[in-house]
Amino acid sequence: MEREEVVIEQICAGGLLPLFYHDEEETCIKVVKALYDGGIRTIEFTNRGKNSLNNFKALVAVKAEMPGLLLGIGTIKTGEQANSFIDAGADFLVSPVFDATVSDVAYMQKIAWIPGCMTPTEIHTAQQAGCRLVKLFPGNALGPGFVEAIKPVFSGIRFVVTGGVDATKENIELWMKSGVAGVGLGSKLITPAILQSGNFEQLTTTAASLVSIIQQIK
């Protein structure tokens, strides 16, 4: 099995893709370790701030302490960004859009790429480019009904959804039953309150609870 497929299988098997950004390197490391201790094995760090690349490199440096962890980079919108983070050690790429330059880099570098799509045309473009997993974004604008409607049209491709996912059993079950393979959770999991208080034990507890919920649903 190709590495890209191994990565996608791990993301889908886990069913939960936490995503976050923080300016402080130490906080980033604590968040990742807390999520890992909660049983999460795929994490998306987002390219959304001035320290994105440096902090991502710091996370890659400590990843050896967390066997089995896949660390991806999100909010990748250009081929140049893709190359920079691949060089830094990214296991996979995530984008809010379908971008041809990112697609080309992912293909040449043989790395899993999850493009963001909102319409059937965008999903079709991604599938034609060889993408096996697509991010439906923003989920709050699309809704589970959208997934139910398009899934039969696009056999051979799987979906994760971000935006509009709540950290509750009821909401996650609603999305899973609509046909997504996984859900992305940002500030509703890694909350501003946790980041401000430094209560990373709570993050571990919440993560472990969500991992258990998703496995029960699956």
C-alpha atoms as a PDB file:
ATOM      1  CA  MET A   1       0.000   0.000   0.000  1.00  0.00           C
ATOM      2  CA  GLU A   2       1.336   3.441  -0.946  1.00  0.00           C
ATOM      3  CA  ARG A   3       2.191   5.820   1.878  1.00  0.00           C
ATOM      4  CA  GLU A   4      -0.540   8.255   0.817  1.00  0.00           C
ATOM      5  CA  GLU A   5      -3.125   5.505   1.198  1.00  0.00           C
ATOM      6  CA  VAL A   6      -1.718   4.435   4.573  1.00  0.00           C
ATOM      7  CA  VAL A   7      -2.113   7.997   5.840  1.00  0.00           C
ATOM      8  CA  ILE A   8      -5.663   8.304   4.529  1.00  0.00           C
ATOM      9  CA  GLU A   9      -6.606   4.959   6.066  1.00  0.00           C
ATOM     10  CA  GLN A  10      -5.284   6.076   9.450  1.00  0.00           C
ATOM     11  CA  ILE A  11      -7.213   9.356   9.288  1.00  0.00           C
ATOM     12  CA  CYS A  12     -10.436   7.564   8.357  1.00  0.00           C
ATOM     13  CA  ALA A  13      -9.934   4.789  10.905  1.00  0.00           C
ATOM     14  CA  GLY A  14      -9.536   7.343  13.688  1.00  0.00           C
ATOM     15  CA  GLY A  15     -12.472   9.385  12.471  1.00  0.00           C
ATOM     16  CA  LEU A  16     -11.337  12.481  14.355  1.00  0.00           C
ATOM     17  CA  LEU A  17      -8.942  15.106  13.023  1.00  0.00           C
ATOM     18  CA  PRO A  18      -8.172  17.865  15.543  1.00  0.00           C
ATOM     19  CA  LEU A  19      -6.854  21.099  14.047  1.00  0.00           C
ATOM     20  CA  PHE A  20      -5.315  24.109  15.721  1.00  0.00           C
ATOM     21  CA  TYR A  21      -2.789  26.913  15.603  1.00  0.00           C
ATOM     22  CA  HIS A  22      -1.018  28.796  18.374  1.00  0.00           C
ATOM     23  CA  ASP A  23       1.752  31.382  18.299  1.00  0.00           C
ATOM     24  CA  GLU A  24       3.671  29.875  21.232  1.00  0.00           C
ATOM     25  CA  GLU A  25       5.852  26.869  20.544  1.00  0.00           C
ATOM     26  CA  GLU A  26       5.543  25.420  24.051  1.00  0.00           C
ATOM     27  CA  THR A  27       1.753  25.608  23.938  1.00  0.00           C
ATOM     28  CA  CYS A  28       1.693  23.843  20.568  1.00  0.00           C
ATOM     29  CA  ILE A  29       3.755  20.994  21.963  1.00  0.00           C
ATOM     30  CA  LYS A  30       1.514  20.676  25.030  1.00  0.00           C
ATOM     31  CA  VAL A  31      -1.612  20.579  22.872  1.00  0.00           C
ATOM     32  CA  VAL A  32      -0.226  17.827  20.659  1.00  0.00           C
ATOM     33  CA  LYS A  33       0.931  15.746  23.625  1.00  0.00           C
ATOM     34  CA  ALA A  34      -2.437  16.162  25.346  1.00  0.00           C
ATOM     35  CA  LEU A  35      -4.297  15.024  22.228  1.00  0.00           C
ATOM     36  CA  TYR A  36      -1.922  12.089  21.807  1.00  0.00           C
ATOM     37  CA  ASP A  37      -2.414  11.059  25.438  1.00  0.00           C
ATOM     38  CA  GLY A  38      -6.144  11.073  24.724  1.00  0.00           C
ATOM     39  CA  GLY A  39      -5.679   8.456  22.005  1.00  0.00           C
ATOM     40  CA  ILE A  40      -5.594  10.668  18.917  1.00  0.00           C
ATOM     41  CA  ARG A  41      -3.087   9.646  16.248  1.00  0.00           C
ATOM     42  CA  THR A  42      -3.705  12.188  13.467  1.00  0.00           C
ATOM     43  CA  ILE A  43      -3.394  15.931  14.094  1.00  0.00           C
ATOM     44  CA  GLU A  44      -3.581  18.923  11.759  1.00  0.00           C
ATOM     45  CA  PHE A  45      -1.546  21.993  12.678  1.00  0.00           C
ATOM     46  CA  THR A  46      -2.794  24.956  10.672  1.00  0.00           C
ATOM     47  CA  ASN A  47      -0.726  27.414   8.676  1.00  0.00           C
ATOM     48  CA  ARG A  48      -2.521  30.444  10.091  1.00  0.00           C
ATOM     49  CA  GLY A  49       0.043  32.574  11.879  1.00  0.00           C
ATOM     50  CA  LYS A  50       3.455  34.165  11.740  1.00  0.00           C
ATOM     51  CA  ASN A  51       5.092  31.287  13.622  1.00  0.00           C
ATOM     52  CA  SER A  52       3.455  28.470  11.680  1.00  0.00           C
ATOM     53  CA  LEU A  53       6.562  27.030  10.068  1.00  0.00           C
ATOM     54  CA  ASN A  54       8.842  27.373  13.095  1.00  0.00           C
ATOM     55  CA  ASN A  55       6.267  25.890  15.455  1.00  0.00           C
ATOM     56  CA  PHE A  56       5.527  23.066  13.051  1.00  0.00           C
ATOM     57  CA  LYS A  57       9.225  22.208  12.945  1.00  0.00           C
ATOM     58  CA  ALA A  58       9.224  22.117  16.751  1.00  0.00           C
ATOM     59  CA  LEU A  59       6.309  19.682  16.701  1.00  0.00           C
ATOM     60  CA  VAL A  60       8.070  17.459  14.187  1.00  0.00           C
ATOM     61  CA  ALA A  61      11.135  17.463  16.456  1.00  0.00           C
ATOM     62  CA  VAL A  62       9.170  15.999  19.373  1.00  0.00           C
ATOM     63  CA  LYS A  63       7.031  13.636  17.291  1.00  0.00           C
ATOM     64  CA  ALA A  64       9.488  10.788  17.883  1.00  0.00           C
ATOM     65  CA  GLU A  65       8.255  10.744  21.491  1.00  0.00           C
ATOM     66  CA  MET A  66       4.762   9.869  20.209  1.00  0.00           C
ATOM     67  CA  PRO A  67       4.924   6.618  18.203  1.00  0.00           C
ATOM     68  CA  GLY A  68       2.290   6.243  15.514  1.00  0.00           C
ATOM     69  CA  LEU A  69       1.405   9.935  15.355  1.00  0.00           C
ATOM     70  CA  LEU A  70       0.758  11.498  11.951  1.00  0.00           C
ATOM     71  CA  LEU A  71       1.255  15.255  11.918  1.00  0.00           C
ATOM     72  CA  GLY A  72      -0.236  17.173   9.021  1.00  0.00           C
ATOM     73  CA  ILE A  73      -0.311  20.810   8.027  1.00  0.00           C
ATOM     74  CA  GLY A  74      -3.507  22.638   7.147  1.00  0.00           C
ATOM     75  CA  THR A  75      -4.483  25.869   5.391  1.00  0.00           C
ATOM     76  CA  ILE A  76      -2.087  25.140   2.548  1.00  0.00           C
ATOM     77  CA  LYS A  77      -3.081  27.289  -0.444  1.00  0.00           C
ATOM     78  CA  THR A  78       0.023  27.378  -2.664  1.00  0.00           C
ATOM     79  CA  GLY A  79       2.607  24.977  -3.995  1.00  0.00           C
ATOM     80  CA  GLU A  80       5.321  27.016  -2.286  1.00  0.00           C
ATOM     81  CA  GLN A  81       3.664  26.534   1.105  1.00  0.00           C
ATOM     82  CA  ALA A  82       3.254  22.840   0.406  1.00  0.00           C
ATOM     83  CA  ASN A  83       6.935  22.389  -0.384  1.00  0.00           C
ATOM     84  CA  SER A  84       8.034  24.326   2.710  1.00  0.00           C
ATOM     85  CA  PHE A  85       6.014  22.167   5.086  1.00  0.00           C
ATOM     86  CA  ILE A  86       6.841  18.914   3.308  1.00  0.00           C
ATOM     87  CA  ASP A  87      10.509  19.808   3.760  1.00  0.00           C
ATOM     88  CA  ALA A  88       9.739  20.460   7.438  1.00  0.00           C
ATOM     89  CA  GLY A  89       8.364  16.929   7.827  1.00  0.00           C
ATOM     90  CA  ALA A  90       4.603  17.054   7.209  1.00  0.00           C
ATOM     91  CA  ASP A  91       2.912  13.659   6.938  1.00  0.00           C
ATOM     92  CA  PHE A  92      -0.039  15.077   4.997  1.00  0.00           C
ATOM     93  CA  LEU A  93      -1.445  18.331   3.628  1.00  0.00           C
ATOM     94  CA  VAL A  94      -4.890  19.864   4.098  1.00  0.00           C
ATOM     95  CA  SER A  95      -6.300  22.813   2.167  1.00  0.00           C
ATOM     96  CA  PRO A  96      -9.459  24.919   2.404  1.00  0.00           C
ATOM     97  CA  VAL A  97      -9.653  24.920  -1.419  1.00  0.00           C
ATOM     98  CA  PHE A  98      -8.657  22.889  -4.453  1.00  0.00           C
ATOM     99  CA  ASP A  99      -5.452  24.435  -5.805  1.00  0.00           C
ATOM    100  CA  ALA A 100      -3.699  23.033  -8.877  1.00  0.00           C
ATOM    101  CA  THR A 101      -0.208  23.978  -7.655  1.00  0.00           C
ATOM    102  CA  VAL A 102      -0.729  22.143  -4.365  1.00  0.00           C
ATOM    103  CA  SER A 103      -2.124  19.180  -6.285  1.00  0.00           C
ATOM    104  CA  ASP A 104       1.013  19.068  -8.441  1.00  0.00           C
ATOM    105  CA  VAL A 105       3.352  19.229  -5.444  1.00  0.00           C
ATOM    106  CA  ALA A 106       1.449  16.508  -3.606  1.00  0.00           C
ATOM    107  CA  TYR A 107       1.589  14.269  -6.667  1.00  0.00           C
ATOM    108  CA  MET A 108       5.308  14.808  -7.243  1.00  0.00           C
ATOM    109  CA  GLN A 109       6.183  14.420  -3.551  1.00  0.00           C
ATOM    110  CA  LYS A 110       3.911  11.387  -3.113  1.00  0.00           C
ATOM    111  CA  ILE A 111       2.196  12.848  -0.052  1.00  0.00           C
ATOM    112  CA  ALA A 112      -1.452  12.616   0.958  1.00  0.00           C
ATOM    113  CA  TRP A 113      -3.386  15.806   0.253  1.00  0.00           C
ATOM    114  CA  ILE A 114      -6.917  16.587   1.439  1.00  0.00           C
ATOM    115  CA  PRO A 115      -8.360  19.502  -0.549  1.00  0.00           C
ATOM    116  CA  GLY A 116     -11.322  21.536   0.659  1.00  0.00           C
ATOM    117  CA  CYS A 117     -14.434  21.396  -1.524  1.00  0.00           C
ATOM    118  CA  MET A 118     -17.905  22.868  -1.278  1.00  0.00           C
ATOM    119  CA  THR A 119     -19.598  21.955  -4.571  1.00  0.00           C
ATOM    120  CA  PRO A 120     -20.050  18.817  -6.679  1.00  0.00           C
ATOM    121  CA  THR A 121     -17.889  20.406  -9.380  1.00  0.00           C
ATOM    122  CA  GLU A 122     -15.025  20.933  -6.930  1.00  0.00           C
ATOM    123  CA  ILE A 123     -15.353  17.371  -5.647  1.00  0.00           C
ATOM    124  CA  HIS A 124     -15.292  16.082  -9.222  1.00  0.00           C
ATOM    125  CA  THR A 125     -12.165  18.141  -9.964  1.00  0.00           C
ATOM    126  CA  ALA A 126     -10.465  16.722  -6.873  1.00  0.00           C
ATOM    127  CA  GLN A 127     -11.399  13.167  -7.784  1.00  0.00           C
ATOM    128  CA  GLN A 128     -10.141  13.603 -11.335  1.00  0.00           C
ATOM    129  CA  ALA A 129      -6.847  14.843  -9.873  1.00  0.00           C
ATOM    130  CA  GLY A 130      -6.514  11.599  -7.926  1.00  0.00           C
ATOM    131  CA  CYS A 131      -7.639  12.743  -4.478  1.00  0.00           C
ATOM    132  CA  ARG A 132      -9.044   9.929  -2.361  1.00  0.00           C
ATOM    133  CA  LEU A 133     -10.183  11.997   0.597  1.00  0.00           C
ATOM    134  CA  VAL A 134     -11.876  15.405   0.398  1.00  0.00           C
ATOM    135  CA  LYS A 135     -12.625  17.925   3.117  1.00  0.00           C
ATOM    136  CA  LEU A 136     -16.171  19.291   2.953  1.00  0.00           C
ATOM    137  CA  PHE A 137     -15.861  22.886   4.095  1.00  0.00           C
ATOM    138  CA  PRO A 138     -17.494  24.787   5.646  1.00  0.00           C
ATOM    139  CA  GLY A 139     -19.660  22.105   7.193  1.00  0.00           C
ATOM    140  CA  ASN A 140     -21.978  24.578   8.910  1.00  0.00           C
ATOM    141  CA  ALA A 141     -23.011  25.939   5.500  1.00  0.00           C
ATOM    142  CA  LEU A 142     -23.416  22.501   3.906  1.00  0.00           C
ATOM    143  CA  GLY A 143     -25.002  20.322   6.573  1.00  0.00           C
ATOM    144  CA  PRO A 144     -25.335  16.517   6.836  1.00  0.00           C
ATOM    145  CA  GLY A 145     -28.051  16.529   4.178  1.00  0.00           C
ATOM    146  CA  PHE A 146     -25.519  17.665   1.603  1.00  0.00           C
ATOM    147  CA  VAL A 147     -23.328  14.646   2.374  1.00  0.00           C
ATOM    148  CA  GLU A 148     -26.254  12.257   2.051  1.00  0.00           C
ATOM    149  CA  ALA A 149     -27.141  13.769  -1.331  1.00  0.00           C
ATOM    150  CA  ILE A 150     -23.694  13.722  -2.941  1.00  0.00           C
ATOM    151  CA  LYS A 151     -22.183  10.550  -1.499  1.00  0.00           C
ATOM    152  CA  PRO A 152     -23.928   8.181  -3.963  1.00  0.00           C
ATOM    153  CA  VAL A 153     -22.691  10.325  -6.869  1.00  0.00           C
ATOM    154  CA  PHE A 154     -19.006  10.065  -5.915  1.00  0.00           C
ATOM    155  CA  SER A 155     -18.081   6.442  -5.373  1.00  0.00           C
ATOM    156  CA  GLY A 156     -14.437   5.823  -4.622  1.00  0.00           C
ATOM    157  CA  ILE A 157     -13.897   9.019  -2.642  1.00  0.00           C
ATOM    158  CA  ARG A 158     -14.311   9.624   1.071  1.00  0.00           C
ATOM    159  CA  PHE A 159     -15.160  12.739   3.011  1.00  0.00           C
ATOM    160  CA  VAL A 160     -14.180  14.496   6.204  1.00  0.00           C
ATOM    161  CA  VAL A 161     -16.050  17.581   7.328  1.00  0.00           C
ATOM    162  CA  THR A 162     -14.797  20.638   9.214  1.00  0.00           C
ATOM    163  CA  GLY A 163     -16.650  23.710  10.344  1.00  0.00           C
ATOM    164  CA  GLY A 164     -19.992  23.210  12.034  1.00  0.00           C
ATOM    165  CA  VAL A 165     -18.995  20.076  13.963  1.00  0.00           C
ATOM    166  CA  ASP A 166     -19.741  20.128  17.696  1.00  0.00           C
ATOM    167  CA  ALA A 167     -17.828  18.089  20.269  1.00  0.00           C
ATOM    168  CA  THR A 168     -20.947  16.128  21.232  1.00  0.00           C
ATOM    169  CA  LYS A 169     -22.061  12.575  20.594  1.00  0.00           C
ATOM    170  CA  GLU A 170     -25.321  13.752  19.008  1.00  0.00           C
ATOM    171  CA  ASN A 171     -23.684  16.046  16.470  1.00  0.00           C
ATOM    172  CA  ILE A 172     -20.827  13.717  15.561  1.00  0.00           C
ATOM    173  CA  GLU A 173     -23.285  10.832  15.143  1.00  0.00           C
ATOM    174  CA  LEU A 174     -25.402  12.994  12.838  1.00  0.00           C
ATOM    175  CA  TRP A 175     -22.408  13.658  10.590  1.00  0.00           C
ATOM    176  CA  MET A 176     -21.191  10.074  10.670  1.00  0.00           C
ATOM    177  CA  LYS A 177     -24.611   8.734   9.730  1.00  0.00           C
ATOM    178  CA  SER A 178     -24.686  11.138   6.789  1.00  0.00           C
ATOM    179  CA  GLY A 179     -21.683   9.300   5.362  1.00  0.00           C
ATOM    180  CA  VAL A 180     -18.502  11.137   6.350  1.00  0.00           C
ATOM    181  CA  ALA A 181     -15.444   9.100   7.263  1.00  0.00           C
ATOM    182  CA  GLY A 182     -14.249  11.632   9.797  1.00  0.00           C
ATOM    183  CA  VAL A 183     -14.822  14.992  11.446  1.00  0.00           C
ATOM    184  CA  GLY A 184     -12.438  17.865  11.997  1.00  0.00           C
ATOM    185  CA  LEU A 185     -12.631  19.751  15.283  1.00  0.00           C
ATOM    186  CA  GLY A 186     -10.831  22.984  16.063  1.00  0.00           C
ATOM    187  CA  SER A 187     -11.797  25.475  18.764  1.00  0.00           C
ATOM    188  CA  LYS A 188     -14.711  23.348  19.958  1.00  0.00           C
ATOM    189  CA  LEU A 189     -12.192  20.746  21.115  1.00  0.00           C
ATOM    190  CA  ILE A 190      -9.073  22.823  21.699  1.00  0.00           C
ATOM    191  CA  THR A 191     -11.043  25.620  23.303  1.00  0.00           C
ATOM    192  CA  PRO A 192      -9.785  29.148  24.059  1.00  0.00           C
ATOM    193  CA  ALA A 193     -10.482  28.418  27.742  1.00  0.00           C
ATOM    194  CA  ILE A 194      -8.135  25.421  27.720  1.00  0.00           C
ATOM    195  CA  LEU A 195      -5.428  27.398  25.958  1.00  0.00           C
ATOM    196  CA  GLN A 196      -5.766  30.320  28.372  1.00  0.00           C
ATOM    197  CA  SER A 197      -5.879  28.222  31.536  1.00  0.00           C
ATOM    198  CA  GLY A 198      -3.308  25.645  30.465  1.00  0.00           C
ATOM    199  CA  ASN A 199      -5.664  22.852  31.581  1.00  0.00           C
ATOM    200  CA  PHE A 200      -4.312  20.298  29.132  1.00  0.00           C
ATOM    201  CA  GLU A 201      -5.479  17.427  31.329  1.00  0.00           C
ATOM    202  CA  GLN A 202      -9.031  18.460  30.407  1.00  0.00           C
ATOM    203  CA  LEU A 203      -8.081  18.361  26.738  1.00  0.00           C
ATOM    204  CA  THR A 204      -6.785  14.819  27.157  1.00  0.00           C
ATOM    205  CA  THR A 205      -9.986  13.782  28.912  1.00  0.00           C
ATOM    206  CA  THR A 206     -12.213  15.319  26.245  1.00  0.00           C
ATOM    207  CA  ALA A 207     -10.148  13.822  23.443  1.00  0.00           C
ATOM    208  CA  ALA A 208     -10.338  10.360  24.989  1.00  0.00           C
ATOM    209  CA  SER A 209     -14.101  10.693  25.352  1.00  0.00           C
ATOM    210  CA  LEU A 210     -14.526  11.698  21.691  1.00  0.00           C
ATOM    211  CA  VAL A 211     -12.268   8.864  20.507  1.00  0.00           C
ATOM    212  CA  SER A 212     -14.469   6.424  22.406  1.00  0.00           C
ATOM    213  CA  ILE A 213     -17.676   7.984  21.045  1.00  0.00           C
ATOM    214  CA  ILE A 214     -16.483   7.794  17.445  1.00  0.00           C
ATOM    215  CA  GLN A 215     -15.391   4.192  17.748  1.00  0.00           C
ATOM    216  CA  GLN A 216     -18.812   3.295  19.170  1.00  0.00           C
ATOM    217  CA  ILE A 217     -20.544   5.053  16.272  1.00  0.00           C
ATOM    218  CA  LYS A 218     -18.299   3.392  13.692  1.00  0.00           C
END
